[in-house]
C-alpha cells in the first residue's frame, strides 16, 4: 500500500481538516476516532505479520490513544446530548 501525504480537498491544509473534524458533533467525532483506531489496529496487525514488531507496537500504542480519546469524547457527548438539537437541520448555519 502506498501511503499518501495529503487528503483530497485538504492538500497541505491539515489545519483546516483538524478544524472540520473538531467541529463534528461529539458523538460523530467519537465514532470517527473509533474507526481511525480500528484502522491503525488493522495496520498494526499487518505489520506484525510482516515482522515489523517496533512499527506494530507504535501503531498499537497510537490505537490505544485514539480509543481513549474516543471514550473521553463519548463522555463529553453524554454530557452535552440533552442540550443538543436532534439533527444537523436544527443547527444554525
PDB file of N, CA and C in Angstrom:
ATOM      1  N   UNK A   1       0.842  -1.177   0.000  1.00  0.00           N
ATOM      2  CA  UNK A   1       0.000   0.000   0.000  1.00  0.00           C
ATOM      3  C   UNK A   1       0.888   1.241   0.000  1.00  0.00           C
ATOM      4  N   UNK A   2       0.497   2.201  -0.771  1.00  0.00           N
ATOM      5  CA  UNK A   2       1.208   3.471  -0.820  1.00  0.00           C
ATOM      6  C   UNK A   2       0.500   4.465   0.095  1.00  0.00           C
ATOM      7  N   UNK A   3       1.243   5.012   1.051  1.00  0.00           N
ATOM      8  CA  UNK A   3       0.665   5.996   1.968  1.00  0.00           C
ATOM      9  C   UNK A   3       0.760   7.378   1.343  1.00  0.00           C
ATOM     10  N   UNK A   4      -0.358   8.075   1.319  1.00  0.00           N
ATOM     11  CA  UNK A   4      -0.411   9.426   0.757  1.00  0.00           C
ATOM     12  C   UNK A   4       0.123  10.438   1.757  1.00  0.00           C
ATOM     13  N   UNK A   5       0.481  11.589   1.258  1.00  0.00           N
ATOM     14  CA  UNK A   5       0.908  12.690   2.124  1.00  0.00           C
ATOM     15  C   UNK A   5      -0.151  13.783   2.177  1.00  0.00           C
ATOM     16  N   UNK A   6      -1.318  13.512   1.581  1.00  0.00           N
ATOM     17  CA  UNK A   6      -2.387  14.508   1.544  1.00  0.00           C
ATOM     18  C   UNK A   6      -3.728  13.799   1.462  1.00  0.00           C
ATOM     19  N   UNK A   7      -4.784  14.551   1.688  1.00  0.00           N
ATOM     20  CA  UNK A   7      -6.156  14.069   1.561  1.00  0.00           C
ATOM     21  C   UNK A   7      -6.855  14.991   0.575  1.00  0.00           C
ATOM     22  N   UNK A   8      -7.574  14.409  -0.367  1.00  0.00           N
ATOM     23  CA  UNK A   8      -8.267  15.197  -1.379  1.00  0.00           C
ATOM     24  C   UNK A   8      -9.080  16.302  -0.709  1.00  0.00           C
ATOM     25  N   UNK A   9      -9.021  17.474  -1.264  1.00  0.00           N
ATOM     26  CA  UNK A   9      -9.682  18.693  -0.789  1.00  0.00           C
ATOM     27  C   UNK A   9      -9.004  19.310   0.430  1.00  0.00           C
ATOM     28  N   UNK A  10      -7.938  18.689   0.938  1.00  0.00           N
ATOM     29  CA  UNK A  10      -7.210  19.237   2.090  1.00  0.00           C
ATOM     30  C   UNK A  10      -5.710  19.238   1.824  1.00  0.00           C
ATOM     31  N   UNK A  11      -5.317  19.331   0.572  1.00  0.00           N
ATOM     32  CA  UNK A  11      -3.914  19.286   0.204  1.00  0.00           C
ATOM     33  C   UNK A  11      -3.128  20.298   1.029  1.00  0.00           C
ATOM     34  N   UNK A  12      -2.207  19.788   1.820  1.00  0.00           N
ATOM     35  CA  UNK A  12      -1.317  20.614   2.635  1.00  0.00           C
ATOM     36  C   UNK A  12      -2.064  21.563   3.568  1.00  0.00           C
ATOM     37  N   UNK A  13      -3.282  21.243   3.940  1.00  0.00           N
ATOM     38  CA  UNK A  13      -4.051  22.101   4.841  1.00  0.00           C
ATOM     39  C   UNK A  13      -4.665  21.258   5.954  1.00  0.00           C
ATOM     40  N   UNK A  14      -3.812  20.613   6.711  1.00  0.00           N
ATOM     41  CA  UNK A  14      -4.307  19.763   7.787  1.00  0.00           C
ATOM     42  C   UNK A  14      -4.917  20.578   8.914  1.00  0.00           C
ATOM     43  N   UNK A  15      -4.564  21.854   9.008  1.00  0.00           N
ATOM     44  CA  UNK A  15      -5.202  22.720   9.996  1.00  0.00           C
ATOM     45  C   UNK A  15      -6.695  22.826   9.737  1.00  0.00           C
ATOM     46  N   UNK A  16      -7.061  23.015   8.480  1.00  0.00           N
ATOM     47  CA  UNK A  16      -8.478  23.101   8.118  1.00  0.00           C
ATOM     48  C   UNK A  16      -9.178  21.763   8.348  1.00  0.00           C
ATOM     49  N   UNK A  17      -8.497  20.675   8.017  1.00  0.00           N
ATOM     50  CA  UNK A  17      -9.062  19.349   8.257  1.00  0.00           C
ATOM     51  C   UNK A  17      -9.302  19.138   9.754  1.00  0.00           C
ATOM     52  N   UNK A  18      -8.333  19.521  10.572  1.00  0.00           N
ATOM     53  CA  UNK A  18      -8.486  19.386  12.025  1.00  0.00           C
ATOM     54  C   UNK A  18      -9.659  20.221  12.525  1.00  0.00           C
ATOM     55  N   UNK A  19      -9.820  21.421  11.981  1.00  0.00           N
ATOM     56  CA  UNK A  19     -10.950  22.272  12.368  1.00  0.00           C
ATOM     57  C   UNK A  19     -12.272  21.597  12.018  1.00  0.00           C
ATOM     58  N   UNK A  20     -12.371  21.064  10.819  1.00  0.00           N
ATOM     59  CA  UNK A  20     -13.627  20.448  10.392  1.00  0.00           C
ATOM     60  C   UNK A  20     -13.938  19.182  11.188  1.00  0.00           C
ATOM     61  N   UNK A  21     -12.928  18.364  11.432  1.00  0.00           N
ATOM     62  CA  UNK A  21     -13.149  17.166  12.241  1.00  0.00           C
ATOM     63  C   UNK A  21     -13.511  17.578  13.664  1.00  0.00           C
ATOM     64  N   UNK A  22     -12.814  18.581  14.189  1.00  0.00           N
ATOM     65  CA  UNK A  22     -13.089  19.062  15.537  1.00  0.00           C
ATOM     66  C   UNK A  22     -14.452  19.698  15.693  1.00  0.00           C
ATOM     67  N   UNK A  23     -15.033  20.156  14.594  1.00  0.00           N
ATOM     68  CA  UNK A  23     -16.367  20.760  14.634  1.00  0.00           C
ATOM     69  C   UNK A  23     -17.494  19.734  14.524  1.00  0.00           C
ATOM     70  N   UNK A  24     -17.143  18.458  14.366  1.00  0.00           N
ATOM     71  CA  UNK A  24     -18.181  17.429  14.352  1.00  0.00           C
ATOM     72  C   UNK A  24     -18.888  17.389  15.705  1.00  0.00           C
ATOM     73  N   UNK A  25     -20.156  17.014  15.674  1.00  0.00           N
ATOM     74  CA  UNK A  25     -20.852  16.782  16.929  1.00  0.00           C
ATOM     75  C   UNK A  25     -20.101  15.668  17.659  1.00  0.00           C
ATOM     76  N   UNK A  26     -20.058  15.710  18.977  1.00  0.00           N
ATOM     77  CA  UNK A  26     -19.190  14.809  19.730  1.00  0.00           C
ATOM     78  C   UNK A  26     -19.489  13.330  19.504  1.00  0.00           C
ATOM     79  N   UNK A  27     -20.728  12.956  19.278  1.00  0.00           N
ATOM     80  CA  UNK A  27     -20.999  11.542  19.006  1.00  0.00           C
ATOM     81  C   UNK A  27     -20.375  11.123  17.681  1.00  0.00           C
ATOM     82  N   UNK A  28     -20.429  12.004  16.695  1.00  0.00           N
ATOM     83  CA  UNK A  28     -19.817  11.713  15.394  1.00  0.00           C
ATOM     84  C   UNK A  28     -18.297  11.709  15.494  1.00  0.00           C
ATOM     85  N   UNK A  29     -17.747  12.632  16.265  1.00  0.00           N
ATOM     86  CA  UNK A  29     -16.298  12.675  16.459  1.00  0.00           C
ATOM     87  C   UNK A  29     -15.813  11.400  17.149  1.00  0.00           C
ATOM     88  N   UNK A  30     -16.541  10.935  18.155  1.00  0.00           N
ATOM     89  CA  UNK A  30     -16.165   9.694  18.841  1.00  0.00           C
ATOM     90  C   UNK A  30     -16.177   8.518  17.866  1.00  0.00           C
ATOM     91  N   UNK A  31     -17.185   8.452  17.017  1.00  0.00           N
ATOM     92  CA  UNK A  31     -17.262   7.373  16.024  1.00  0.00           C
ATOM     93  C   UNK A  31     -16.082   7.440  15.057  1.00  0.00           C
ATOM     94  N   UNK A  32     -15.735   8.633  14.600  1.00  0.00           N
ATOM     95  CA  UNK A  32     -14.591   8.808  13.706  1.00  0.00           C
ATOM     96  C   UNK A  32     -13.308   8.318  14.375  1.00  0.00           C
ATOM     97  N   UNK A  33     -13.097   8.710  15.624  1.00  0.00           N
ATOM     98  CA  UNK A  33     -11.889   8.295  16.335  1.00  0.00           C
ATOM     99  C   UNK A  33     -11.840   6.783  16.522  1.00  0.00           C
ATOM    100  N   UNK A  34     -12.988   6.166  16.794  1.00  0.00           N
ATOM    101  CA  UNK A  34     -13.040   4.705  16.922  1.00  0.00           C
ATOM    102  C   UNK A  34     -12.667   4.032  15.603  1.00  0.00           C
ATOM    103  N   UNK A  35     -13.177   4.564  14.508  1.00  0.00           N
ATOM    104  CA  UNK A  35     -12.870   3.985  13.198  1.00  0.00           C
ATOM    105  C   UNK A  35     -11.398   4.162  12.848  1.00  0.00           C
ATOM    106  N   UNK A  36     -10.832   5.309  13.184  1.00  0.00           N
ATOM    107  CA  UNK A  36      -9.410   5.535  12.937  1.00  0.00           C
ATOM    108  C   UNK A  36      -8.570   4.593  13.804  1.00  0.00           C
ATOM    109  N   UNK A  37      -8.978   4.393  15.045  1.00  0.00           N
ATOM    110  CA  UNK A  37      -8.278   3.446  15.919  1.00  0.00           C
ATOM    111  C   UNK A  37      -8.337   2.037  15.334  1.00  0.00           C
ATOM    112  N   UNK A  38      -9.495   1.651  14.826  1.00  0.00           N
ATOM    113  CA  UNK A  38      -9.649   0.325  14.217  1.00  0.00           C
ATOM    114  C   UNK A  38      -8.717   0.173  13.012  1.00  0.00           C
ATOM    115  N   UNK A  39      -8.627   1.215  12.188  1.00  0.00           N
ATOM    116  CA  UNK A  39      -7.749   1.175  11.011  1.00  0.00           C
ATOM    117  C   UNK A  39      -6.296   0.986  11.434  1.00  0.00           C
ATOM    118  N   UNK A  40      -5.867   1.718  12.463  1.00  0.00           N
ATOM    119  CA  UNK A  40      -4.489   1.567  12.931  1.00  0.00           C
ATOM    120  C   UNK A  40      -4.251   0.173  13.507  1.00  0.00           C
ATOM    121  N   UNK A  41      -5.254  -0.387  14.149  1.00  0.00           N
ATOM    122  CA  UNK A  41      -5.137  -1.743  14.687  1.00  0.00           C
ATOM    123  C   UNK A  41      -4.947  -2.760  13.561  1.00  0.00           C
ATOM    124  N   UNK A  42      -5.695  -2.587  12.491  1.00  0.00           N
ATOM    125  CA  UNK A  42      -5.549  -3.470  11.321  1.00  0.00           C
ATOM    126  C   UNK A  42      -4.150  -3.334  10.737  1.00  0.00           C
ATOM    127  N   UNK A  43      -3.693  -2.088  10.579  1.00  0.00           N
ATOM    128  CA  UNK A  43      -2.345  -1.858  10.050  1.00  0.00           C
ATOM    129  C   UNK A  43      -1.284  -2.468  10.966  1.00  0.00           C
ATOM    130  N   UNK A  44      -1.480  -2.330  12.279  1.00  0.00           N
ATOM    131  CA  UNK A  44      -0.525  -2.898  13.244  1.00  0.00           C
ATOM    132  C   UNK A  44      -0.444  -4.413  13.089  1.00  0.00           C
ATOM    133  N   UNK A  45      -1.583  -5.049  12.901  1.00  0.00           N
ATOM    134  CA  UNK A  45      -1.592  -6.499  12.707  1.00  0.00           C
ATOM    135  C   UNK A  45      -0.853  -6.912  11.451  1.00  0.00           C
ATOM    136  N   UNK A  46      -1.053  -6.161  10.386  1.00  0.00           N
ATOM    137  CA  UNK A  46      -0.357  -6.478   9.131  1.00  0.00           C
ATOM    138  C   UNK A  46       1.147  -6.304   9.291  1.00  0.00           C
ATOM    139  N   UNK A  47       1.545  -5.228   9.974  1.00  0.00           N
ATOM    140  CA  UNK A  47       2.980  -5.005  10.174  1.00  0.00           C
ATOM    141  C   UNK A  47       3.579  -6.063  11.106  1.00  0.00           C
ATOM    142  N   UNK A  48       2.838  -6.479  12.113  1.00  0.00           N
ATOM    143  CA  UNK A  48       3.300  -7.557  12.995  1.00  0.00           C
ATOM    144  C   UNK A  48       3.528  -8.826  12.175  1.00  0.00           C
ATOM    145  N   UNK A  49       2.573  -9.146  11.301  1.00  0.00           N
ATOM    146  CA  UNK A  49       2.682 -10.349  10.469  1.00  0.00           C
ATOM    147  C   UNK A  49       3.866 -10.277   9.509  1.00  0.00           C
ATOM    148  N   UNK A  50       4.299  -9.077   9.175  1.00  0.00           N
ATOM    149  CA  UNK A  50       5.448  -8.893   8.277  1.00  0.00           C
ATOM    150  C   UNK A  50       6.762  -8.791   9.056  1.00  0.00           C
ATOM    151  N   UNK A  51       6.693  -8.986  10.363  1.00  0.00           N
ATOM    152  CA  UNK A  51       7.906  -8.950  11.173  1.00  0.00           C
ATOM    153  C   UNK A  51       8.348  -7.557  11.579  1.00  0.00           C
ATOM    154  N   UNK A  52       7.495  -6.593  11.429  1.00  0.00           N
ATOM    155  CA  UNK A  52       7.827  -5.202  11.785  1.00  0.00           C
ATOM    156  C   UNK A  52       7.319  -4.913  13.202  1.00  0.00           C
ATOM    157  N   UNK A  53       7.971  -5.538  14.171  1.00  0.00           N
ATOM    158  CA  UNK A  53       7.492  -5.507  15.549  1.00  0.00           C
ATOM    159  C   UNK A  53       7.431  -4.092  16.113  1.00  0.00           C
ATOM    160  N   UNK A  54       8.479  -3.306  15.933  1.00  0.00           N
ATOM    161  CA  UNK A  54       8.500  -1.952  16.504  1.00  0.00           C
ATOM    162  C   UNK A  54       7.411  -1.078  15.899  1.00  0.00           C
ATOM    163  N   UNK A  55       7.237  -1.172  14.595  1.00  0.00           N
ATOM    164  CA  UNK A  55       6.187  -0.401  13.933  1.00  0.00           C
ATOM    165  C   UNK A  55       4.817  -0.839  14.435  1.00  0.00           C
ATOM    166  N   UNK A  56       4.619  -2.136  14.542  1.00  0.00           N
ATOM    167  CA  UNK A  56       3.349  -2.660  15.034  1.00  0.00           C
ATOM    168  C   UNK A  56       3.060  -2.158  16.443  1.00  0.00           C
ATOM    169  N   UNK A  57       4.064  -2.170  17.303  1.00  0.00           N
ATOM    170  CA  UNK A  57       3.883  -1.693  18.676  1.00  0.00           C
ATOM    171  C   UNK A  57       3.537  -0.206  18.705  1.00  0.00           C
ATOM    172  N   UNK A  58       4.203   0.576  17.874  1.00  0.00           N
ATOM    173  CA  UNK A  58       3.924   2.013  17.824  1.00  0.00           C
ATOM    174  C   UNK A  58       2.501   2.276  17.346  1.00  0.00           C
ATOM    175  N   UNK A  59       2.067   1.540  16.334  1.00  0.00           N
ATOM    176  CA  UNK A  59       0.706   1.713  15.834  1.00  0.00           C
ATOM    177  C   UNK A  59      -0.327   1.275  16.865  1.00  0.00           C
ATOM    178  N   UNK A  60      -0.035   0.210  17.590  1.00  0.00           N
ATOM    179  CA  UNK A  60      -0.950  -0.223  18.647  1.00  0.00           C
ATOM    180  C   UNK A  60      -1.039   0.812  19.761  1.00  0.00           C
ATOM    181  N   UNK A  61       0.080   1.439  20.082  1.00  0.00           N
ATOM    182  CA  UNK A  61       0.064   2.498  21.095  1.00  0.00           C
ATOM    183  C   UNK A  61      -0.780   3.679  20.619  1.00  0.00           C
ATOM    184  N   UNK A  62      -0.637   4.041  19.354  1.00  0.00           N
ATOM    185  CA  UNK A  62      -1.457   5.118  18.786  1.00  0.00           C
ATOM    186  C   UNK A  62      -2.928   4.735  18.807  1.00  0.00           C
ATOM    187  N   UNK A  63      -3.218   3.478  18.484  1.00  0.00           N
ATOM    188  CA  UNK A  63      -4.599   2.987  18.515  1.00  0.00           C
ATOM    189  C   UNK A  63      -5.185   3.124  19.910  1.00  0.00           C
ATOM    190  N   UNK A  64      -4.417   2.765  20.918  1.00  0.00           N
ATOM    191  CA  UNK A  64      -4.896   2.872  22.299  1.00  0.00           C
ATOM    192  C   UNK A  64      -5.188   4.324  22.663  1.00  0.00           C
ATOM    193  N   UNK A  65      -4.328   5.235  22.231  1.00  0.00           N
ATOM    194  CA  UNK A  65      -4.559   6.654  22.494  1.00  0.00           C
ATOM    195  C   UNK A  65      -5.828   7.155  21.832  1.00  0.00           C
ATOM    196  N   UNK A  66      -6.051   6.738  20.596  1.00  0.00           N
ATOM    197  CA  UNK A  66      -7.266   7.145  19.890  1.00  0.00           C
ATOM    198  C   UNK A  66      -8.508   6.546  20.526  1.00  0.00           C
ATOM    199  N   UNK A  67      -8.413   5.297  20.968  1.00  0.00           N
ATOM    200  CA  UNK A  67      -9.558   4.663  21.628  1.00  0.00           C
ATOM    201  C   UNK A  67      -9.887   5.393  22.927  1.00  0.00           C
ATOM    202  N   UNK A  68      -8.862   5.783  23.674  1.00  0.00           N
ATOM    203  CA  UNK A  68      -9.079   6.538  24.912  1.00  0.00           C
ATOM    204  C   UNK A  68      -9.688   7.901  24.599  1.00  0.00           C
ATOM    205  N   UNK A  69      -9.196   8.551  23.550  1.00  0.00           N
ATOM    206  CA  UNK A  69      -9.763   9.840  23.143  1.00  0.00           C
ATOM    207  C   UNK A  69     -11.225   9.676  22.750  1.00  0.00           C
ATOM    208  N   UNK A  70     -11.535   8.615  22.018  1.00  0.00           N
ATOM    209  CA  UNK A  70     -12.926   8.361  21.619  1.00  0.00           C
ATOM    210  C   UNK A  70     -13.808   8.173  22.844  1.00  0.00           C
ATOM    211  N   UNK A  71     -13.309   7.451  23.835  1.00  0.00           N
ATOM    212  CA  UNK A  71     -14.080   7.257  25.067  1.00  0.00           C
ATOM    213  C   UNK A  71     -14.325   8.587  25.777  1.00  0.00           C
ATOM    214  N   UNK A  72     -13.297   9.423  25.854  1.00  0.00           N
ATOM    215  CA  UNK A  72     -13.435  10.722  26.517  1.00  0.00           C
ATOM    216  C   UNK A  72     -14.409  11.627  25.775  1.00  0.00           C
ATOM    217  N   UNK A  73     -14.347  11.623  24.458  1.00  0.00           N
ATOM    218  CA  UNK A  73     -15.287  12.416  23.664  1.00  0.00           C
ATOM    219  C   UNK A  73     -16.696  11.859  23.832  1.00  0.00           C
ATOM    220  N   UNK A  74     -16.811  10.548  23.976  1.00  0.00           N
ATOM    221  CA  UNK A  74     -18.115   9.939  24.249  1.00  0.00           C
ATOM    222  C   UNK A  74     -18.703  10.446  25.555  1.00  0.00           C
ATOM    223  N   UNK A  75     -17.865  10.614  26.565  1.00  0.00           N
ATOM    224  CA  UNK A  75     -18.326  11.183  27.836  1.00  0.00           C
ATOM    225  C   UNK A  75     -18.793  12.619  27.615  1.00  0.00           C
ATOM    226  N   UNK A  76     -18.011  13.383  26.858  1.00  0.00           N
ATOM    227  CA  UNK A  76     -18.409  14.764  26.557  1.00  0.00           C
ATOM    228  C   UNK A  76     -19.760  14.786  25.842  1.00  0.00           C
ATOM    229  N   UNK A  77     -19.967  13.839  24.921  1.00  0.00           N
ATOM    230  CA  UNK A  77     -21.242  13.770  24.214  1.00  0.00           C
ATOM    231  C   UNK A  77     -22.395  13.501  25.179  1.00  0.00           C
ATOM    232  N   UNK A  78     -22.212  12.559  26.080  1.00  0.00           N
ATOM    233  CA  UNK A  78     -23.294  12.240  27.016  1.00  0.00           C
ATOM    234  C   UNK A  78     -23.629  13.437  27.910  1.00  0.00           C
ATOM    235  N   UNK A  79     -22.643  14.263  28.205  1.00  0.00           N
ATOM    236  CA  UNK A  79     -22.894  15.479  28.985  1.00  0.00           C
ATOM    237  C   UNK A  79     -23.687  16.485  28.156  1.00  0.00           C
ATOM    238  N   UNK A  80     -23.308  16.643  26.886  1.00  0.00           N
ATOM    239  CA  UNK A  80     -23.921  17.656  26.013  1.00  0.00           C
ATOM    240  C   UNK A  80     -25.236  17.211  25.384  1.00  0.00           C
ATOM    241  N   UNK A  81     -25.408  15.926  25.213  1.00  0.00           N
ATOM    242  CA  UNK A  81     -26.530  15.402  24.425  1.00  0.00           C
ATOM    243  C   UNK A  81     -27.888  15.984  24.810  1.00  0.00           C
ATOM    244  N   UNK A  82     -28.222  16.112  26.092  1.00  0.00           N
ATOM    245  CA  UNK A  82     -29.555  16.633  26.425  1.00  0.00           C
ATOM    246  C   UNK A  82     -29.793  18.067  25.941  1.00  0.00           C
ATOM    247  N   UNK A  83     -28.725  18.775  25.653  1.00  0.00           N
ATOM    248  CA  UNK A  83     -28.839  20.182  25.265  1.00  0.00           C
ATOM    249  C   UNK A  83     -28.664  20.405  23.770  1.00  0.00           C
ATOM    250  N   UNK A  84     -28.466  19.317  23.018  1.00  0.00           N
ATOM    251  CA  UNK A  84     -28.169  19.434  21.593  1.00  0.00           C
ATOM    252  C   UNK A  84     -29.414  19.213  20.748  1.00  0.00           C
ATOM    253  N   UNK A  85     -29.484  19.898  19.584  1.00  0.00           N
ATOM    254  CA  UNK A  85     -30.571  19.621  18.641  1.00  0.00           C
ATOM    255  C   UNK A  85     -30.496  18.171  18.183  1.00  0.00           C
ATOM    256  N   UNK A  86     -31.616  17.631  17.766  1.00  0.00           N
ATOM    257  CA  UNK A  86     -31.669  16.221  17.390  1.00  0.00           C
ATOM    258  C   UNK A  86     -31.045  15.931  16.029  1.00  0.00           C
ATOM    259  N   UNK A  87     -30.858  16.947  15.192  1.00  0.00           N
ATOM    260  CA  UNK A  87     -30.269  16.713  13.872  1.00  0.00           C
ATOM    261  C   UNK A  87     -29.509  17.943  13.419  1.00  0.00           C
ATOM    262  N   UNK A  88     -28.689  17.756  12.363  1.00  0.00           N
ATOM    263  CA  UNK A  88     -27.943  18.875  11.788  1.00  0.00           C
ATOM    264  C   UNK A  88     -28.875  19.958  11.267  1.00  0.00           C
ATOM    265  N   UNK A  89     -30.071  19.566  10.858  1.00  0.00           N
ATOM    266  CA  UNK A  89     -31.007  20.531  10.287  1.00  0.00           C
ATOM    267  C   UNK A  89     -31.444  21.569  11.318  1.00  0.00           C
ATOM    268  N   UNK A  90     -31.337  21.221  12.592  1.00  0.00           N
ATOM    269  CA  UNK A  90     -31.741  22.134  13.646  1.00  0.00           C
ATOM    270  C   UNK A  90     -30.623  23.083  14.070  1.00  0.00           C
ATOM    271  N   UNK A  91     -29.421  22.911  13.498  1.00  0.00           N
ATOM    272  CA  UNK A  91     -28.284  23.741  13.877  1.00  0.00           C
ATOM    273  C   UNK A  91     -28.284  25.051  13.100  1.00  0.00           C
ATOM    274  N   UNK A  92     -27.797  26.133  13.725  1.00  0.00           N
ATOM    275  CA  UNK A  92     -27.671  27.392  12.985  1.00  0.00           C
ATOM    276  C   UNK A  92     -26.609  27.260  11.904  1.00  0.00           C
ATOM    277  N   UNK A  93     -26.773  28.006  10.826  1.00  0.00           N
ATOM    278  CA  UNK A  93     -25.839  27.938   9.700  1.00  0.00           C
ATOM    279  C   UNK A  93     -24.660  28.832   9.941  1.00  0.00           C
TER     280      UNK A  93
END
